[in-house]
Amino acid sequence: MTDDQKQDKIQTTVRFIASTLDIPEDELGPDSSMDNTPAWDSSEHMNICLLFEQKFGVPMNMDIIISATSIRALAALIP
């Protein structure tokens, strides 16, 4: 995968998370995560995972839900 493809996936994930959390995209970046984004709490994370699975067709089992807690981790899951 090229750097441009990685950047596209990160931008797609930023737009998705911003929309899901109803926050401005400029409040998020590649290093945003549950740890540093106040609106991204545990209940919102479950919502994000459910919607991510529907939007991108990525099966979200418990291992993925537990580990995909950042923009980079979610972007890496996009096919």
Protein backbone atom coordinates (compact mmCIF):
# COMPACT_ATOMS: atom_id res chain seq x y z
CA MET A 1 0.00 0.00 0.00
CA THR A 2 1.29 3.43 -0.92
CA ASP A 3 1.55 6.36 1.47
CA ASP A 4 -1.22 8.11 -0.50
CA GLN A 5 -3.53 5.14 0.04
CA LYS A 6 -2.76 5.15 3.76
CA GLN A 7 -3.46 8.90 3.94
CA ASP A 8 -6.74 8.44 2.06
CA LYS A 9 -7.84 5.77 4.54
CA ILE A 10 -6.89 7.99 7.49
CA GLN A 11 -8.84 10.93 6.01
CA THR A 12 -11.83 8.66 5.36
CA THR A 13 -11.66 7.48 8.97
CA VAL A 14 -11.35 11.04 10.31
CA ARG A 15 -14.47 12.06 8.35
CA PHE A 16 -16.33 8.96 9.58
CA ILE A 17 -15.39 9.45 13.26
CA ALA A 18 -16.13 13.20 13.14
CA SER A 19 -19.54 12.53 11.65
CA THR A 20 -20.31 9.71 14.09
CA LEU A 21 -19.25 11.77 17.13
CA ASP A 22 -20.78 14.96 15.71
CA ILE A 23 -17.57 16.94 16.12
CA PRO A 24 -15.57 19.03 13.61
CA GLU A 25 -13.07 17.10 11.49
CA ASP A 26 -10.32 19.52 12.46
CA GLU A 27 -10.53 18.25 16.04
CA LEU A 28 -9.26 14.87 14.85
CA GLY A 29 -6.06 13.63 13.28
CA PRO A 30 -4.17 10.40 12.61
CA ASP A 31 -3.19 10.13 16.28
CA SER A 32 -6.68 10.72 17.69
CA SER A 33 -7.98 7.92 19.88
CA MET A 34 -10.29 7.12 22.76
CA ASP A 35 -7.49 8.26 25.08
CA ASN A 36 -7.29 11.81 23.75
CA THR A 37 -10.74 12.53 22.27
CA PRO A 38 -13.25 13.36 25.03
CA ALA A 39 -16.33 12.65 22.89
CA TRP A 40 -15.01 9.14 22.08
CA ASP A 41 -16.06 7.26 25.21
CA SER A 42 -16.80 3.54 25.58
CA SER A 43 -20.46 3.74 24.55
CA GLU A 44 -19.57 5.88 21.52
CA HIS A 45 -16.85 3.37 20.67
CA MET A 46 -19.45 0.60 20.41
CA ASN A 47 -21.53 2.85 18.15
CA ILE A 48 -18.45 3.62 16.03
CA CYS A 49 -17.67 -0.08 15.66
CA LEU A 50 -21.24 -0.95 14.69
CA LEU A 51 -21.42 1.81 12.09
CA PHE A 52 -17.89 1.07 10.85
CA GLU A 53 -18.85 -2.55 10.26
CA GLN A 54 -21.94 -1.47 8.30
CA LYS A 55 -20.19 1.22 6.26
CA PHE A 56 -16.98 -0.61 5.38
CA GLY A 57 -18.11 -4.25 5.56
CA VAL A 58 -15.44 -5.09 8.12
CA PRO A 59 -16.51 -7.78 10.62
CA MET A 60 -15.91 -6.44 14.13
CA ASN A 61 -15.28 -9.18 16.67
CA MET A 62 -14.39 -8.44 20.30
CA ASP A 63 -10.63 -8.56 19.67
CA ILE A 64 -10.94 -5.90 16.96
CA ILE A 65 -13.34 -3.77 19.02
CA ILE A 66 -10.89 -3.80 21.94
CA SER A 67 -7.84 -2.96 19.81
CA ALA A 68 -9.29 -0.56 17.20
CA THR A 69 -9.50 2.46 19.47
CA SER A 70 -7.68 5.00 17.29
CA ILE A 71 -7.96 6.62 13.89
CA ARG A 72 -4.88 4.74 12.67
CA ALA A 73 -6.14 1.37 13.91
CA LEU A 74 -9.54 1.80 12.30
CA ALA A 75 -8.05 3.13 9.05
CA ALA A 76 -5.86 0.03 8.82
CA LEU A 77 -9.02 -2.11 8.77
CA ILE A 78 -10.51 -0.45 5.68
CA PRO A 79 -10.18 -2.83 2.73
